[in-house]
PDB file of N, CA and C in Angstrom:
ATOM      1  N   MET A   1      25.474  -6.436  10.156  1.00  0.00           N
ATOM      2  CA  MET A   1      24.935  -7.721  10.544  1.00  0.00           C
ATOM      3  C   MET A   1      23.442  -7.763  10.215  1.00  0.00           C
ATOM      4  N   THR A   2      22.984  -8.874   9.653  1.00  0.00           N
ATOM      5  CA  THR A   2      21.593  -9.047   9.272  1.00  0.00           C
ATOM      6  C   THR A   2      20.759  -9.457  10.476  1.00  0.00           C
ATOM      7  N   ARG A   3      19.611  -8.807  10.642  1.00  0.00           N
ATOM      8  CA  ARG A   3      18.690  -9.165  11.714  1.00  0.00           C
ATOM      9  C   ARG A   3      18.067 -10.518  11.406  1.00  0.00           C
ATOM     10  N   LEU A   4      17.893 -11.329  12.432  1.00  0.00           N
ATOM     11  CA  LEU A   4      17.270 -12.638  12.272  1.00  0.00           C
ATOM     12  C   LEU A   4      15.846 -12.607  12.818  1.00  0.00           C
ATOM     13  N   ILE A   5      14.925 -13.133  12.047  1.00  0.00           N
ATOM     14  CA  ILE A   5      13.521 -13.196  12.430  1.00  0.00           C
ATOM     15  C   ILE A   5      13.248 -14.578  13.018  1.00  0.00           C
ATOM     16  N   LYS A   6      12.814 -14.612  14.259  1.00  0.00           N
ATOM     17  CA  LYS A   6      12.541 -15.889  14.924  1.00  0.00           C
ATOM     18  C   LYS A   6      11.351 -16.592  14.294  1.00  0.00           C
ATOM     19  N   THR A   7      11.406 -17.924  14.283  1.00  0.00           N
ATOM     20  CA  THR A   7      10.250 -18.696  13.831  1.00  0.00           C
ATOM     21  C   THR A   7       9.346 -19.048  15.003  1.00  0.00           C
ATOM     22  N   PHE A   8       9.884 -19.010  16.207  1.00  0.00           N
ATOM     23  CA  PHE A   8       9.173 -19.404  17.421  1.00  0.00           C
ATOM     24  C   PHE A   8       8.804 -20.890  17.399  1.00  0.00           C
ATOM     25  N   VAL A   9       9.539 -21.677  16.612  1.00  0.00           N
ATOM     26  CA  VAL A   9       9.364 -23.131  16.609  1.00  0.00           C
ATOM     27  C   VAL A   9      10.477 -23.682  17.486  1.00  0.00           C
ATOM     28  N   ARG A  10      10.078 -24.326  18.572  1.00  0.00           N
ATOM     29  CA  ARG A  10      11.036 -24.816  19.565  1.00  0.00           C
ATOM     30  C   ARG A  10      12.144 -25.652  18.910  1.00  0.00           C
ATOM     31  N   GLY A  11      13.375 -25.206  19.084  1.00  0.00           N
ATOM     32  CA  GLY A  11      14.544 -25.911  18.586  1.00  0.00           C
ATOM     33  C   GLY A  11      14.919 -25.592  17.148  1.00  0.00           C
ATOM     34  N   PHE A  12      13.969 -25.091  16.360  1.00  0.00           N
ATOM     35  CA  PHE A  12      14.237 -24.828  14.941  1.00  0.00           C
ATOM     36  C   PHE A  12      15.146 -23.624  14.744  1.00  0.00           C
ATOM     37  N   ASP A  13      14.887 -22.544  15.466  1.00  0.00           N
ATOM     38  CA  ASP A  13      15.730 -21.355  15.320  1.00  0.00           C
ATOM     39  C   ASP A  13      17.192 -21.677  15.618  1.00  0.00           C
ATOM     40  N   GLU A  14      17.414 -22.481  16.633  1.00  0.00           N
ATOM     41  CA  GLU A  14      18.790 -22.861  16.975  1.00  0.00           C
ATOM     42  C   GLU A  14      19.431 -23.662  15.837  1.00  0.00           C
ATOM     43  N   GLU A  15      18.653 -24.492  15.185  1.00  0.00           N
ATOM     44  CA  GLU A  15      19.172 -25.319  14.088  1.00  0.00           C
ATOM     45  C   GLU A  15      19.526 -24.492  12.853  1.00  0.00           C
ATOM     46  N   ILE A  16      18.825 -23.389  12.649  1.00  0.00           N
ATOM     47  CA  ILE A  16      19.087 -22.574  11.454  1.00  0.00           C
ATOM     48  C   ILE A  16      19.885 -21.310  11.776  1.00  0.00           C
ATOM     49  N   GLY A  17      20.574 -21.320  12.893  1.00  0.00           N
ATOM     50  CA  GLY A  17      21.477 -20.228  13.216  1.00  0.00           C
ATOM     51  C   GLY A  17      20.820 -19.002  13.827  1.00  0.00           C
ATOM     52  N   GLY A  18      19.623 -19.162  14.425  1.00  0.00           N
ATOM     53  CA  GLY A  18      19.003 -18.059  15.142  1.00  0.00           C
ATOM     54  C   GLY A  18      17.716 -17.550  14.538  1.00  0.00           C
ATOM     55  N   GLY A  19      17.414 -17.916  13.310  1.00  0.00           N
ATOM     56  CA  GLY A  19      16.175 -17.464  12.683  1.00  0.00           C
ATOM     57  C   GLY A  19      16.368 -17.249  11.196  1.00  0.00           C
ATOM     58  N   ILE A  20      15.371 -16.633  10.589  1.00  0.00           N
ATOM     59  CA  ILE A  20      15.382 -16.352   9.151  1.00  0.00           C
ATOM     60  C   ILE A  20      15.972 -14.959   8.950  1.00  0.00           C
ATOM     61  N   PRO A  21      16.982 -14.829   8.074  1.00  0.00           N
ATOM     62  CA  PRO A  21      17.554 -13.497   7.839  1.00  0.00           C
ATOM     63  C   PRO A  21      16.503 -12.527   7.293  1.00  0.00           C
ATOM     64  N   GLN A  22      16.406 -11.362   7.903  1.00  0.00           N
ATOM     65  CA  GLN A  22      15.437 -10.357   7.468  1.00  0.00           C
ATOM     66  C   GLN A  22      15.655 -10.041   5.997  1.00  0.00           C
ATOM     67  N   GLY A  23      14.557  -9.909   5.263  1.00  0.00           N
ATOM     68  CA  GLY A  23      14.627  -9.565   3.851  1.00  0.00           C
ATOM     69  C   GLY A  23      14.667 -10.760   2.927  1.00  0.00           C
ATOM     70  N   HIS A  24      14.791 -11.951   3.467  1.00  0.00           N
ATOM     71  CA  HIS A  24      14.812 -13.158   2.641  1.00  0.00           C
ATOM     72  C   HIS A  24      13.397 -13.656   2.392  1.00  0.00           C
ATOM     73  N   VAL A  25      13.197 -14.253   1.244  1.00  0.00           N
ATOM     74  CA  VAL A  25      11.929 -14.881   0.914  1.00  0.00           C
ATOM     75  C   VAL A  25      12.064 -16.358   1.251  1.00  0.00           C
ATOM     76  N   VAL A  26      11.059 -16.897   1.945  1.00  0.00           N
ATOM     77  CA  VAL A  26      11.097 -18.296   2.357  1.00  0.00           C
ATOM     78  C   VAL A  26       9.905 -19.020   1.748  1.00  0.00           C
ATOM     79  N   LEU A  27      10.174 -20.114   1.063  1.00  0.00           N
ATOM     80  CA  LEU A  27       9.123 -20.939   0.502  1.00  0.00           C
ATOM     81  C   LEU A  27       8.885 -22.113   1.436  1.00  0.00           C
ATOM     82  N   VAL A  28       7.657 -22.258   1.884  1.00  0.00           N
ATOM     83  CA  VAL A  28       7.273 -23.396   2.723  1.00  0.00           C
ATOM     84  C   VAL A  28       6.552 -24.368   1.797  1.00  0.00           C
ATOM     85  N   ALA A  29       7.150 -25.525   1.568  1.00  0.00           N
ATOM     86  CA  ALA A  29       6.603 -26.481   0.605  1.00  0.00           C
ATOM     87  C   ALA A  29       6.340 -27.831   1.267  1.00  0.00           C
ATOM     88  N   GLY A  30       5.392 -28.563   0.723  1.00  0.00           N
ATOM     89  CA  GLY A  30       5.078 -29.893   1.214  1.00  0.00           C
ATOM     90  C   GLY A  30       3.737 -30.338   0.686  1.00  0.00           C
ATOM     91  N   PRO A  31       3.408 -31.593   0.922  1.00  0.00           N
ATOM     92  CA  PRO A  31       2.128 -32.112   0.438  1.00  0.00           C
ATOM     93  C   PRO A  31       0.943 -31.477   1.167  1.00  0.00           C
ATOM     94  N   PRO A  32      -0.253 -31.588   0.582  1.00  0.00           N
ATOM     95  CA  PRO A  32      -1.449 -31.043   1.227  1.00  0.00           C
ATOM     96  C   PRO A  32      -1.645 -31.620   2.626  1.00  0.00           C
ATOM     97  N   GLY A  33      -2.097 -30.763   3.537  1.00  0.00           N
ATOM     98  CA  GLY A  33      -2.420 -31.214   4.887  1.00  0.00           C
ATOM     99  C   GLY A  33      -1.264 -31.289   5.852  1.00  0.00           C
ATOM    100  N   THR A  34      -0.104 -30.748   5.480  1.00  0.00           N
ATOM    101  CA  THR A  34       1.058 -30.821   6.365  1.00  0.00           C
ATOM    102  C   THR A  34       1.262 -29.548   7.185  1.00  0.00           C
ATOM    103  N   MET A  35       0.229 -28.712   7.242  1.00  0.00           N
ATOM    104  CA  MET A  35       0.193 -27.507   8.079  1.00  0.00           C
ATOM    105  C   MET A  35       1.171 -26.413   7.651  1.00  0.00           C
ATOM    106  N   LYS A  36       1.422 -26.331   6.352  1.00  0.00           N
ATOM    107  CA  LYS A  36       2.292 -25.270   5.832  1.00  0.00           C
ATOM    108  C   LYS A  36       1.710 -23.890   6.137  1.00  0.00           C
ATOM    109  N   SER A  37       0.417 -23.738   5.892  1.00  0.00           N
ATOM    110  CA  SER A  37      -0.245 -22.447   6.138  1.00  0.00           C
ATOM    111  C   SER A  37      -0.156 -22.070   7.608  1.00  0.00           C
ATOM    112  N   SER A  38      -0.395 -23.038   8.458  1.00  0.00           N
ATOM    113  CA  SER A  38      -0.357 -22.796   9.902  1.00  0.00           C
ATOM    114  C   SER A  38       1.038 -22.383  10.355  1.00  0.00           C
ATOM    115  N   LEU A  39       2.050 -23.049   9.851  1.00  0.00           N
ATOM    116  CA  LEU A  39       3.425 -22.703  10.199  1.00  0.00           C
ATOM    117  C   LEU A  39       3.761 -21.286   9.742  1.00  0.00           C
ATOM    118  N   ALA A  40       3.450 -20.974   8.495  1.00  0.00           N
ATOM    119  CA  ALA A  40       3.782 -19.655   7.952  1.00  0.00           C
ATOM    120  C   ALA A  40       3.078 -18.552   8.736  1.00  0.00           C
ATOM    121  N   TYR A  41       1.782 -18.739   8.997  1.00  0.00           N
ATOM    122  CA  TYR A  41       1.051 -17.718   9.738  1.00  0.00           C
ATOM    123  C   TYR A  41       1.553 -17.621  11.177  1.00  0.00           C
ATOM    124  N   SER A  42       1.891 -18.747  11.771  1.00  0.00           N
ATOM    125  CA  SER A  42       2.391 -18.762  13.142  1.00  0.00           C
ATOM    126  C   SER A  42       3.658 -17.915  13.283  1.00  0.00           C
ATOM    127  N   VAL A  43       4.536 -17.976  12.299  1.00  0.00           N
ATOM    128  CA  VAL A  43       5.759 -17.161  12.338  1.00  0.00           C
ATOM    129  C   VAL A  43       5.381 -15.679  12.331  1.00  0.00           C
ATOM    130  N   LEU A  44       4.464 -15.294  11.449  1.00  0.00           N
ATOM    131  CA  LEU A  44       4.017 -13.896  11.398  1.00  0.00           C
ATOM    132  C   LEU A  44       3.318 -13.487  12.693  1.00  0.00           C
ATOM    133  N   TYR A  45       2.415 -14.332  13.153  1.00  0.00           N
ATOM    134  CA  TYR A  45       1.619 -14.072  14.351  1.00  0.00           C
ATOM    135  C   TYR A  45       2.512 -13.855  15.571  1.00  0.00           C
ATOM    136  N   ASN A  46       3.432 -14.794  15.801  1.00  0.00           N
ATOM    137  CA  ASN A  46       4.287 -14.703  16.986  1.00  0.00           C
ATOM    138  C   ASN A  46       5.250 -13.525  16.929  1.00  0.00           C
ATOM    139  N   ASN A  47       5.718 -13.174  15.741  1.00  0.00           N
ATOM    140  CA  ASN A  47       6.582 -12.005  15.628  1.00  0.00           C
ATOM    141  C   ASN A  47       5.804 -10.719  15.860  1.00  0.00           C
ATOM    142  N   ALA A  48       4.556 -10.665  15.435  1.00  0.00           N
ATOM    143  CA  ALA A  48       3.719  -9.497  15.709  1.00  0.00           C
ATOM    144  C   ALA A  48       3.429  -9.400  17.199  1.00  0.00           C
ATOM    145  N   LEU A  49       3.088 -10.532  17.799  1.00  0.00           N
ATOM    146  CA  LEU A  49       2.695 -10.578  19.201  1.00  0.00           C
ATOM    147  C   LEU A  49       3.864 -10.286  20.146  1.00  0.00           C
ATOM    148  N   HIS A  50       5.018 -10.890  19.885  1.00  0.00           N
ATOM    149  CA  HIS A  50       6.148 -10.809  20.816  1.00  0.00           C
ATOM    150  C   HIS A  50       7.222  -9.791  20.439  1.00  0.00           C
ATOM    151  N   GLU A  51       7.327  -9.475  19.145  1.00  0.00           N
ATOM    152  CA  GLU A  51       8.398  -8.578  18.702  1.00  0.00           C
ATOM    153  C   GLU A  51       7.874  -7.267  18.125  1.00  0.00           C
ATOM    154  N   GLY A  52       6.547  -7.155  17.956  1.00  0.00           N
ATOM    155  CA  GLY A  52       5.962  -5.940  17.397  1.00  0.00           C
ATOM    156  C   GLY A  52       6.164  -5.776  15.901  1.00  0.00           C
ATOM    157  N   LEU A  53       6.556  -6.840  15.212  1.00  0.00           N
ATOM    158  CA  LEU A  53       6.795  -6.764  13.770  1.00  0.00           C
ATOM    159  C   LEU A  53       5.487  -6.871  13.000  1.00  0.00           C
ATOM    160  N   THR A  54       5.494  -6.375  11.772  1.00  0.00           N
ATOM    161  CA  THR A  54       4.328  -6.481  10.906  1.00  0.00           C
ATOM    162  C   THR A  54       4.622  -7.445   9.765  1.00  0.00           C
ATOM    163  N   GLY A  55       3.562  -8.001   9.183  1.00  0.00           N
ATOM    164  CA  GLY A  55       3.738  -8.923   8.077  1.00  0.00           C
ATOM    165  C   GLY A  55       2.462  -9.103   7.286  1.00  0.00           C
ATOM    166  N   VAL A  56       2.602  -9.727   6.124  1.00  0.00           N
ATOM    167  CA  VAL A  56       1.467 -10.016   5.254  1.00  0.00           C
ATOM    168  C   VAL A  56       1.491 -11.496   4.915  1.00  0.00           C
ATOM    169  N   TYR A  57       0.348 -12.135   5.096  1.00  0.00           N
ATOM    170  CA  TYR A  57       0.175 -13.534   4.711  1.00  0.00           C
ATOM    171  C   TYR A  57      -0.624 -13.517   3.407  1.00  0.00           C
ATOM    172  N   ILE A  58      -0.044 -14.052   2.346  1.00  0.00           N
ATOM    173  CA  ILE A  58      -0.705 -14.078   1.042  1.00  0.00           C
ATOM    174  C   ILE A  58      -1.067 -15.515   0.711  1.00  0.00           C
ATOM    175  N   THR A  59      -2.352 -15.735   0.429  1.00  0.00           N
ATOM    176  CA  THR A  59      -2.818 -17.068   0.064  1.00  0.00           C
ATOM    177  C   THR A  59      -3.454 -17.019  -1.317  1.00  0.00           C
ATOM    178  N   MET A  60      -3.183 -18.047  -2.108  1.00  0.00           N
ATOM    179  CA  MET A  60      -3.769 -18.100  -3.439  1.00  0.00           C
ATOM    180  C   MET A  60      -4.776 -19.234  -3.569  1.00  0.00           C
ATOM    181  N   GLU A  61      -4.892 -20.060  -2.545  1.00  0.00           N
ATOM    182  CA  GLU A  61      -5.827 -21.179  -2.620  1.00  0.00           C
ATOM    183  C   GLU A  61      -6.867 -21.134  -1.504  1.00  0.00           C
ATOM    184  N   GLN A  62      -6.426 -21.047  -0.276  1.00  0.00           N
ATOM    185  CA  GLN A  62      -7.336 -21.076   0.866  1.00  0.00           C
ATOM    186  C   GLN A  62      -7.941 -19.688   1.069  1.00  0.00           C
ATOM    187  N   ASP A  63      -9.254 -19.618   1.219  1.00  0.00           N
ATOM    188  CA  ASP A  63      -9.852 -18.303   1.423  1.00  0.00           C
ATOM    189  C   ASP A  63      -9.635 -17.838   2.864  1.00  0.00           C
ATOM    190  N   ARG A  64      -9.779 -16.550   3.046  1.00  0.00           N
ATOM    191  CA  ARG A  64      -9.514 -15.902   4.343  1.00  0.00           C
ATOM    192  C   ARG A  64     -10.332 -16.519   5.472  1.00  0.00           C
ATOM    193  N   GLU A  65     -11.617 -16.732   5.242  1.00  0.00           N
ATOM    194  CA  GLU A  65     -12.498 -17.278   6.283  1.00  0.00           C
ATOM    195  C   GLU A  65     -12.037 -18.664   6.738  1.00  0.00           C
ATOM    196  N   SER A  66     -11.673 -19.507   5.801  1.00  0.00           N
ATOM    197  CA  SER A  66     -11.192 -20.856   6.121  1.00  0.00           C
ATOM    198  C   SER A  66      -9.886 -20.797   6.915  1.00  0.00           C
ATOM    199  N   LEU A  67      -8.976 -19.920   6.487  1.00  0.00           N
ATOM    200  CA  LEU A  67      -7.697 -19.769   7.181  1.00  0.00           C
ATOM    201  C   LEU A  67      -7.917 -19.258   8.602  1.00  0.00           C
ATOM    202  N   GLU A  68      -8.744 -18.237   8.764  1.00  0.00           N
ATOM    203  CA  GLU A  68      -8.999 -17.687  10.093  1.00  0.00           C
ATOM    204  C   GLU A  68      -9.622 -18.725  11.021  1.00  0.00           C
ATOM    205  N   PHE A  69     -10.514 -19.555  10.495  1.00  0.00           N
ATOM    206  CA  PHE A  69     -11.125 -20.614  11.290  1.00  0.00           C
ATOM    207  C   PHE A  69     -10.055 -21.616  11.751  1.00  0.00           C
ATOM    208  N   GLN A  70      -9.202 -22.023  10.825  1.00  0.00           N
ATOM    209  CA  GLN A  70      -8.118 -22.970  11.137  1.00  0.00           C
ATOM    210  C   GLN A  70      -7.187 -22.406  12.201  1.00  0.00           C
ATOM    211  N   LEU A  71      -6.819 -21.149  12.074  1.00  0.00           N
ATOM    212  CA  LEU A  71      -5.889 -20.518  13.021  1.00  0.00           C
ATOM    213  C   LEU A  71      -6.511 -20.366  14.402  1.00  0.00           C
ATOM    214  N   SER A  72      -7.784 -20.012  14.447  1.00  0.00           N
ATOM    215  CA  SER A  72      -8.443 -19.874  15.745  1.00  0.00           C
ATOM    216  C   SER A  72      -8.548 -21.228  16.443  1.00  0.00           C
ATOM    217  N   ARG A  73      -8.740 -22.297  15.688  1.00  0.00           N
ATOM    218  CA  ARG A  73      -8.775 -23.639  16.278  1.00  0.00           C
ATOM    219  C   ARG A  73      -7.429 -24.024  16.876  1.00  0.00           C
ATOM    220  N   MET A  74      -6.358 -23.393  16.387  1.00  0.00           N
ATOM    221  CA  MET A  74      -5.020 -23.655  16.909  1.00  0.00           C
ATOM    222  C   MET A  74      -4.676 -22.735  18.074  1.00  0.00           C
ATOM    223  N   GLY A  75      -5.640 -21.905  18.488  1.00  0.00           N
ATOM    224  CA  GLY A  75      -5.425 -21.048  19.649  1.00  0.00           C
ATOM    225  C   GLY A  75      -4.875 -19.673  19.353  1.00  0.00           C
ATOM    226  N   MET A  76      -4.794 -19.299  18.087  1.00  0.00           N
ATOM    227  CA  MET A  76      -4.297 -17.969  17.745  1.00  0.00           C
ATOM    228  C   MET A  76      -5.466 -16.990  17.736  1.00  0.00           C
ATOM    229  N   ASP A  77      -5.378 -15.962  18.551  1.00  0.00           N
ATOM    230  CA  ASP A  77      -6.399 -14.929  18.615  1.00  0.00           C
ATOM    231  C   ASP A  77      -5.983 -13.809  17.675  1.00  0.00           C
ATOM    232  N   LEU A  78      -6.587 -13.776  16.495  1.00  0.00           N
ATOM    233  CA  LEU A  78      -6.179 -12.818  15.471  1.00  0.00           C
ATOM    234  C   LEU A  78      -6.387 -11.373  15.907  1.00  0.00           C
ATOM    235  N   LYS A  79      -7.297 -11.141  16.839  1.00  0.00           N
ATOM    236  CA  LYS A  79      -7.526  -9.786  17.346  1.00  0.00           C
ATOM    237  C   LYS A  79      -6.317  -9.267  18.119  1.00  0.00           C
ATOM    238  N   LYS A  80      -5.528 -10.177  18.693  1.00  0.00           N
ATOM    239  CA  LYS A  80      -4.351  -9.761  19.465  1.00  0.00           C
ATOM    240  C   LYS A  80      -3.291  -9.107  18.590  1.00  0.00           C
ATOM    241  N   VAL A  81      -3.224  -9.481  17.319  1.00  0.00           N
ATOM    242  CA  VAL A  81      -2.213  -8.891  16.437  1.00  0.00           C
ATOM    243  C   VAL A  81      -2.798  -7.804  15.550  1.00  0.00           C
ATOM    244  N   GLY A  82      -4.130  -7.725  15.482  1.00  0.00           N
ATOM    245  CA  GLY A  82      -4.795  -6.658  14.736  1.00  0.00           C
ATOM    246  C   GLY A  82      -4.252  -6.477  13.339  1.00  0.00           C
ATOM    247  N   GLU A  83      -3.919  -5.250  13.013  1.00  0.00           N
ATOM    248  CA  GLU A  83      -3.427  -4.916  11.668  1.00  0.00           C
ATOM    249  C   GLU A  83      -1.939  -5.219  11.482  1.00  0.00           C
ATOM    250  N   LYS A  84      -1.286  -5.729  12.505  1.00  0.00           N
ATOM    251  CA  LYS A  84       0.143  -6.062  12.361  1.00  0.00           C
ATOM    252  C   LYS A  84       0.355  -7.227  11.400  1.00  0.00           C
ATOM    253  N   VAL A  85      -0.646  -8.099  11.300  1.00  0.00           N
ATOM    254  CA  VAL A  85      -0.575  -9.202  10.337  1.00  0.00           C
ATOM    255  C   VAL A  85      -1.816  -9.121   9.463  1.00  0.00           C
ATOM    256  N   ARG A  86      -1.590  -8.893   8.196  1.00  0.00           N
ATOM    257  CA  ARG A  86      -2.697  -8.804   7.242  1.00  0.00           C
ATOM    258  C   ARG A  86      -2.769 -10.071   6.421  1.00  0.00           C
ATOM    259  N   ILE A  87      -3.971 -10.507   6.140  1.00  0.00           N
ATOM    260  CA  ILE A  87      -4.181 -11.682   5.301  1.00  0.00           C
ATOM    261  C   ILE A  87      -4.722 -11.194   3.964  1.00  0.00           C
ATOM    262  N   GLN A  88      -4.039 -11.556   2.893  1.00  0.00           N
ATOM    263  CA  GLN A  88      -4.465 -11.181   1.550  1.00  0.00           C
ATOM    264  C   GLN A  88      -4.842 -12.441   0.791  1.00  0.00           C
ATOM    265  N   ASP A  89      -6.114 -12.531   0.398  1.00  0.00           N
ATOM    266  CA  ASP A  89      -6.537 -13.703  -0.385  1.00  0.00           C
ATOM    267  C   ASP A  89      -7.110 -13.282  -1.716  1.00  0.00           C
TER     268      ASP A  89
END
């Protein structure tokens, strides 16, 4: 049985059968300003915080400083997850 990775988005995990199957690549797509980066990082952040999982957030457009500022404004304390979630820009 494949492990499911929770998104921690209220109601979404139930809609997709419990979460994202471990080992799958997920593309988050949409127009600019629709919080794709925030959603993707939130999944990594919450899994590190609540499940002890590790992850890497890779960005090719937004620089690390801008992303960290945006995430902190959303209430995510990056120090709480430490090296469990790495940002690569």
